[in-house]
Protein backbone atom coordinates (compact mmCIF):
# COMPACT_ATOMS: atom_id res chain seq x y z
CA MET A 1 12.96 -37.24 141.73
CA LYS A 2 11.11 -39.75 139.54
CA ASN A 3 14.41 -41.16 138.26
CA MET A 4 15.61 -41.65 141.82
CA ILE A 5 12.40 -43.51 142.78
CA LYS A 6 12.72 -45.61 139.63
CA GLN A 7 16.29 -46.58 140.54
CA VAL A 8 15.34 -47.46 144.12
CA VAL A 9 12.42 -49.63 142.99
CA LYS A 10 14.51 -51.36 140.29
CA GLN A 11 17.31 -52.01 142.78
CA LYS A 12 14.89 -53.52 145.29
CA LEU A 13 13.39 -55.77 142.62
CA LYS A 14 16.88 -56.92 141.57
CA THR A 15 17.89 -57.75 145.16
CA LEU A 16 14.64 -59.31 146.32
CA THR A 17 15.08 -62.80 147.74
CA VAL A 18 12.86 -65.86 147.52
CA ASP A 19 12.14 -65.64 151.25
CA GLU A 20 11.28 -61.94 151.05
CA LEU A 21 8.84 -62.55 148.20
CA ILE A 22 7.16 -65.38 150.08
CA SER A 23 6.99 -63.15 153.16
CA TYR A 24 5.35 -60.36 151.13
CA ALA A 25 2.87 -62.87 149.70
CA ASN A 26 1.99 -64.05 153.20
CA GLU A 27 1.59 -60.45 154.34
CA TYR A 28 -1.07 -59.96 151.65
CA ASN A 29 -2.72 -63.35 152.34
CA LEU A 30 -1.48 -64.84 149.06
CA SER A 31 0.31 -68.12 148.62
CA ILE A 32 3.33 -68.50 146.39
CA THR A 33 5.36 -71.66 146.37
CA PRO A 34 9.13 -71.56 146.74
CA LYS A 35 9.45 -72.75 143.12
CA GLN A 36 7.19 -69.96 141.85
CA SER A 37 9.11 -67.48 143.96
CA GLU A 38 12.41 -68.70 142.49
CA GLN A 39 11.04 -68.32 138.97
CA ILE A 40 9.78 -64.80 139.70
CA ILE A 41 13.05 -63.74 141.33
CA ALA A 42 15.07 -65.11 138.39
CA PHE A 43 12.93 -63.07 136.00
CA LEU A 44 13.20 -59.90 138.10
CA LYS A 45 16.98 -60.17 138.26
CA LYS A 46 17.36 -60.35 134.48
CA THR A 47 14.65 -57.97 133.28
CA ASP A 48 15.30 -54.33 132.53
CA LEU A 49 11.66 -53.27 132.36
CA ASN A 50 10.75 -49.99 134.02
CA PRO A 51 8.47 -50.63 137.04
CA LEU A 52 7.17 -47.03 136.90
CA ASP A 53 5.87 -47.51 133.36
CA GLU A 54 2.42 -49.10 133.09
CA GLN A 55 3.17 -50.75 129.74
CA ASP A 56 6.42 -52.23 131.02
CA ARG A 57 4.65 -53.58 134.11
CA MET A 58 2.02 -55.21 131.91
CA LYS A 59 4.76 -56.78 129.76
CA ALA A 60 6.43 -58.08 132.91
CA LEU A 61 3.17 -59.55 134.21
CA LYS A 62 2.50 -61.26 130.87
CA LYS A 63 5.98 -62.74 130.91
CA LEU A 64 5.51 -63.87 134.53
CA ALA A 65 2.23 -65.52 133.49
CA GLN A 66 4.16 -67.48 130.85
CA ILE A 67 6.94 -68.41 133.27
CA THR A 68 4.64 -69.41 136.14
CA ASP A 69 0.89 -69.17 135.47
CA PRO A 70 -1.69 -66.37 135.15
CA GLN A 71 -2.86 -66.71 138.77
CA THR A 72 0.67 -66.32 140.11
CA ALA A 73 1.23 -63.25 137.90
CA GLN A 74 -1.96 -61.75 139.36
CA LYS A 75 -0.66 -62.45 142.86
CA VAL A 76 2.61 -60.69 142.05
CA ASN A 77 0.62 -57.71 140.76
CA LYS A 78 -1.40 -57.60 144.00
CA ILE A 79 1.80 -57.77 146.06
CA PHE A 80 3.38 -54.98 144.03
CA HIS A 81 0.35 -52.71 144.36
CA GLY A 82 0.07 -53.47 148.07
CA ILE A 83 3.69 -52.52 148.67
CA VAL A 84 3.32 -49.36 146.58
CA LYS A 85 0.20 -48.32 148.48
CA GLU A 86 1.68 -49.23 151.87
CA ASN A 87 4.71 -47.04 151.18
CA GLY A 88 2.70 -44.06 149.94
CA LEU A 89 4.03 -44.29 146.39
CA SER A 90 0.74 -44.71 144.52
CA HIS A 91 1.07 -41.35 142.80
CA TRP A 92 4.25 -42.62 141.04
CA PHE A 93 2.43 -45.59 139.56
């Protein structure tokens, strides 16, 4: 079951759009510019890091901090955790 969840999450991250990411940010009262969103989406589409693995998530956030800035990486982390919690998947992460 964990592999199936991993595949679903990875697929969603690979198909996420700039508008969807901005919408998620707005939902969690965070602001992300279209440029930041484009940079994040480009990274998500090319990365093969495992979103279920804590170390891989930390590597991804560090890379996002380099690509954008540390504050934006923190916002992405908040969005990710909000979505996980909202969908009842906290026990997988």
